[in-house]
């Protein structure tokens, strides 16, 4: 459901025919994420690192996870690292998603206990 992104021959970027500079912060984040994924795919790296996903509305974050799941299912992506500032660890994530919570400079929570 994200808009189609085009990088034009003059390096101008548009999303749904709107200039990148006119997009909202969350729209620009989604455009940046899609361009980063295209670079990852074309380079063969199959790694996607996305910082600041918390600019997306909580209701839109499921679309991000769904998109990443599709990329994994289509064998276009091996690993995605998402970074954001949240009030609490996300719940209800698919089994393919590992959540690591960092508080006070330390990884905390169930994942750390499982690793011990």
C-alpha atoms as a PDB file:
ATOM      1  CA  UNK A   1       0.000   0.000   0.000  1.00  0.00           C
ATOM      2  CA  UNK A   2       3.050   2.278  -0.108  1.00  0.00           C
ATOM      3  CA  UNK A   3       3.332   4.651  -3.073  1.00  0.00           C
ATOM      4  CA  UNK A   4       5.419   3.781  -6.125  1.00  0.00           C
ATOM      5  CA  UNK A   5       8.859   5.376  -5.917  1.00  0.00           C
ATOM      6  CA  UNK A   6      10.693   6.581  -9.014  1.00  0.00           C
ATOM      7  CA  UNK A   7      14.300   7.729  -9.233  1.00  0.00           C
ATOM      8  CA  UNK A   8      14.372   9.770 -12.424  1.00  0.00           C
ATOM      9  CA  UNK A   9      17.313  10.081 -14.827  1.00  0.00           C
ATOM     10  CA  UNK A  10      18.151  13.474 -13.298  1.00  0.00           C
ATOM     11  CA  UNK A  11      18.212  11.764  -9.834  1.00  0.00           C
ATOM     12  CA  UNK A  12      14.978  13.510  -8.806  1.00  0.00           C
ATOM     13  CA  UNK A  13      12.878  11.238  -6.568  1.00  0.00           C
ATOM     14  CA  UNK A  14       9.102  11.073  -6.594  1.00  0.00           C
ATOM     15  CA  UNK A  15       6.539   8.970  -4.779  1.00  0.00           C
ATOM     16  CA  UNK A  16       3.129   8.667  -6.394  1.00  0.00           C
ATOM     17  CA  UNK A  17       4.214  11.501  -8.723  1.00  0.00           C
ATOM     18  CA  UNK A  18       4.916  13.823  -5.764  1.00  0.00           C
ATOM     19  CA  UNK A  19       8.360  15.362  -5.328  1.00  0.00           C
ATOM     20  CA  UNK A  20      10.349  13.892  -2.419  1.00  0.00           C
ATOM     21  CA  UNK A  21      10.763  17.355  -0.871  1.00  0.00           C
ATOM     22  CA  UNK A  22       6.995  17.717  -0.562  1.00  0.00           C
ATOM     23  CA  UNK A  23       6.458  14.458   1.305  1.00  0.00           C
ATOM     24  CA  UNK A  24       5.821  14.169   5.027  1.00  0.00           C
ATOM     25  CA  UNK A  25       8.518  12.790   7.321  1.00  0.00           C
ATOM     26  CA  UNK A  26       6.904   9.332   7.409  1.00  0.00           C
ATOM     27  CA  UNK A  27       6.400   9.324   3.629  1.00  0.00           C
ATOM     28  CA  UNK A  28      10.083  10.213   3.121  1.00  0.00           C
ATOM     29  CA  UNK A  29      11.049   7.418   5.548  1.00  0.00           C
ATOM     30  CA  UNK A  30       9.074   4.900   3.485  1.00  0.00           C
ATOM     31  CA  UNK A  31      10.664   6.158   0.252  1.00  0.00           C
ATOM     32  CA  UNK A  32      14.129   5.888   1.824  1.00  0.00           C
ATOM     33  CA  UNK A  33      13.323   2.354   3.019  1.00  0.00           C
ATOM     34  CA  UNK A  34      12.198   1.266  -0.449  1.00  0.00           C
ATOM     35  CA  UNK A  35      15.294   2.747  -2.097  1.00  0.00           C
ATOM     36  CA  UNK A  36      17.523   1.071   0.515  1.00  0.00           C
ATOM     37  CA  UNK A  37      15.795  -2.256  -0.184  1.00  0.00           C
ATOM     38  CA  UNK A  38      16.297  -1.839  -3.934  1.00  0.00           C
ATOM     39  CA  UNK A  39      20.007  -1.158  -3.385  1.00  0.00           C
ATOM     40  CA  UNK A  40      20.252  -4.174  -1.073  1.00  0.00           C
ATOM     41  CA  UNK A  41      18.589  -6.405  -3.645  1.00  0.00           C
ATOM     42  CA  UNK A  42      20.573  -5.132  -6.631  1.00  0.00           C
ATOM     43  CA  UNK A  43      23.878  -5.343  -4.752  1.00  0.00           C
ATOM     44  CA  UNK A  44      23.165  -8.887  -3.592  1.00  0.00           C
ATOM     45  CA  UNK A  45      23.712  -7.883   0.052  1.00  0.00           C
ATOM     46  CA  UNK A  46      20.236  -9.070   1.118  1.00  0.00           C
ATOM     47  CA  UNK A  47      20.613  -6.968   4.296  1.00  0.00           C
ATOM     48  CA  UNK A  48      18.396  -4.024   5.143  1.00  0.00           C
ATOM     49  CA  UNK A  49      19.155  -1.652   8.025  1.00  0.00           C
ATOM     50  CA  UNK A  50      16.420   0.877   8.783  1.00  0.00           C
ATOM     51  CA  UNK A  51      16.703   3.419  11.581  1.00  0.00           C
ATOM     52  CA  UNK A  52      13.881   5.578  12.880  1.00  0.00           C
ATOM     53  CA  UNK A  53      10.928   3.363  11.967  1.00  0.00           C
ATOM     54  CA  UNK A  54       9.146   4.997  14.917  1.00  0.00           C
ATOM     55  CA  UNK A  55       8.246   7.928  12.618  1.00  0.00           C
ATOM     56  CA  UNK A  56       5.550   5.635  11.235  1.00  0.00           C
ATOM     57  CA  UNK A  57       2.185   5.710  12.948  1.00  0.00           C
ATOM     58  CA  UNK A  58       1.758   2.604  15.131  1.00  0.00           C
ATOM     59  CA  UNK A  59      -1.083   1.482  12.865  1.00  0.00           C
ATOM     60  CA  UNK A  60       1.249   1.653   9.806  1.00  0.00           C
ATOM     61  CA  UNK A  61       4.076  -0.379  11.346  1.00  0.00           C
ATOM     62  CA  UNK A  62       2.275  -3.615  10.539  1.00  0.00           C
ATOM     63  CA  UNK A  63       2.551  -2.716   6.842  1.00  0.00           C
ATOM     64  CA  UNK A  64       6.323  -2.460   7.296  1.00  0.00           C
ATOM     65  CA  UNK A  65       6.544  -5.882   8.935  1.00  0.00           C
ATOM     66  CA  UNK A  66       4.262  -7.352   6.273  1.00  0.00           C
ATOM     67  CA  UNK A  67       6.431  -5.885   3.484  1.00  0.00           C
ATOM     68  CA  UNK A  68       9.586  -7.309   5.059  1.00  0.00           C
ATOM     69  CA  UNK A  69       7.924 -10.725   5.453  1.00  0.00           C
ATOM     70  CA  UNK A  70       7.023 -10.702   1.752  1.00  0.00           C
ATOM     71  CA  UNK A  71      10.632  -9.844   0.842  1.00  0.00           C
ATOM     72  CA  UNK A  72      11.866 -12.788   2.913  1.00  0.00           C
ATOM     73  CA  UNK A  73       9.257 -15.131   1.416  1.00  0.00           C
ATOM     74  CA  UNK A  74      10.278 -14.020  -2.097  1.00  0.00           C
ATOM     75  CA  UNK A  75      13.921 -14.750  -1.207  1.00  0.00           C
ATOM     76  CA  UNK A  76      14.957 -11.120  -1.742  1.00  0.00           C
ATOM     77  CA  UNK A  77      16.034 -10.459   1.840  1.00  0.00           C
ATOM     78  CA  UNK A  78      17.846 -12.441   4.529  1.00  0.00           C
ATOM     79  CA  UNK A  79      18.075  -9.933   7.369  1.00  0.00           C
ATOM     80  CA  UNK A  80      16.391  -6.668   8.278  1.00  0.00           C
ATOM     81  CA  UNK A  81      17.462  -4.630  11.281  1.00  0.00           C
ATOM     82  CA  UNK A  82      14.895  -2.063  12.444  1.00  0.00           C
ATOM     83  CA  UNK A  83      15.761   0.565  15.011  1.00  0.00           C
ATOM     84  CA  UNK A  84      13.349   2.877  16.768  1.00  0.00           C
ATOM     85  CA  UNK A  85      12.447   4.448  20.070  1.00  0.00           C
ATOM     86  CA  UNK A  86       9.340   2.861  21.550  1.00  0.00           C
ATOM     87  CA  UNK A  87       7.593   2.974  24.917  1.00  0.00           C
ATOM     88  CA  UNK A  88       7.635  -0.812  25.256  1.00  0.00           C
ATOM     89  CA  UNK A  89       8.764  -3.868  23.288  1.00  0.00           C
ATOM     90  CA  UNK A  90       6.456  -4.672  20.374  1.00  0.00           C
ATOM     91  CA  UNK A  91       3.994  -7.501  20.911  1.00  0.00           C
ATOM     92  CA  UNK A  92       2.362  -9.936  18.520  1.00  0.00           C
ATOM     93  CA  UNK A  93       5.307 -10.122  16.128  1.00  0.00           C
ATOM     94  CA  UNK A  94       5.546 -13.035  13.685  1.00  0.00           C
ATOM     95  CA  UNK A  95       7.883 -15.899  14.572  1.00  0.00           C
ATOM     96  CA  UNK A  96      10.301 -14.683  11.909  1.00  0.00           C
ATOM     97  CA  UNK A  97      10.890 -11.487  13.920  1.00  0.00           C
ATOM     98  CA  UNK A  98      13.247 -11.321  16.884  1.00  0.00           C
ATOM     99  CA  UNK A  99      12.855  -8.390  19.265  1.00  0.00           C
ATOM    100  CA  UNK A 100      15.809  -7.104  21.267  1.00  0.00           C
ATOM    101  CA  UNK A 101      14.993  -4.377  23.785  1.00  0.00           C
ATOM    102  CA  UNK A 102      17.767  -2.024  24.856  1.00  0.00           C
ATOM    103  CA  UNK A 103      17.328  -0.025  28.066  1.00  0.00           C
ATOM    104  CA  UNK A 104      20.053   1.809  29.931  1.00  0.00           C
ATOM    105  CA  UNK A 105      22.609   0.627  27.383  1.00  0.00           C
ATOM    106  CA  UNK A 106      21.879  -3.055  28.021  1.00  0.00           C
ATOM    107  CA  UNK A 107      19.848  -5.668  26.202  1.00  0.00           C
ATOM    108  CA  UNK A 108      17.038  -6.703  28.529  1.00  0.00           C
ATOM    109  CA  UNK A 109      13.987  -8.913  28.492  1.00  0.00           C
ATOM    110  CA  UNK A 110      13.080 -12.485  27.653  1.00  0.00           C
ATOM    111  CA  UNK A 111      15.459 -12.778  24.711  1.00  0.00           C
ATOM    112  CA  UNK A 112      18.429 -12.117  26.959  1.00  0.00           C
ATOM    113  CA  UNK A 113      17.165 -14.703  29.466  1.00  0.00           C
ATOM    114  CA  UNK A 114      16.757 -17.284  26.681  1.00  0.00           C
ATOM    115  CA  UNK A 115      20.310 -16.678  25.478  1.00  0.00           C
ATOM    116  CA  UNK A 116      21.779 -17.182  28.959  1.00  0.00           C
END
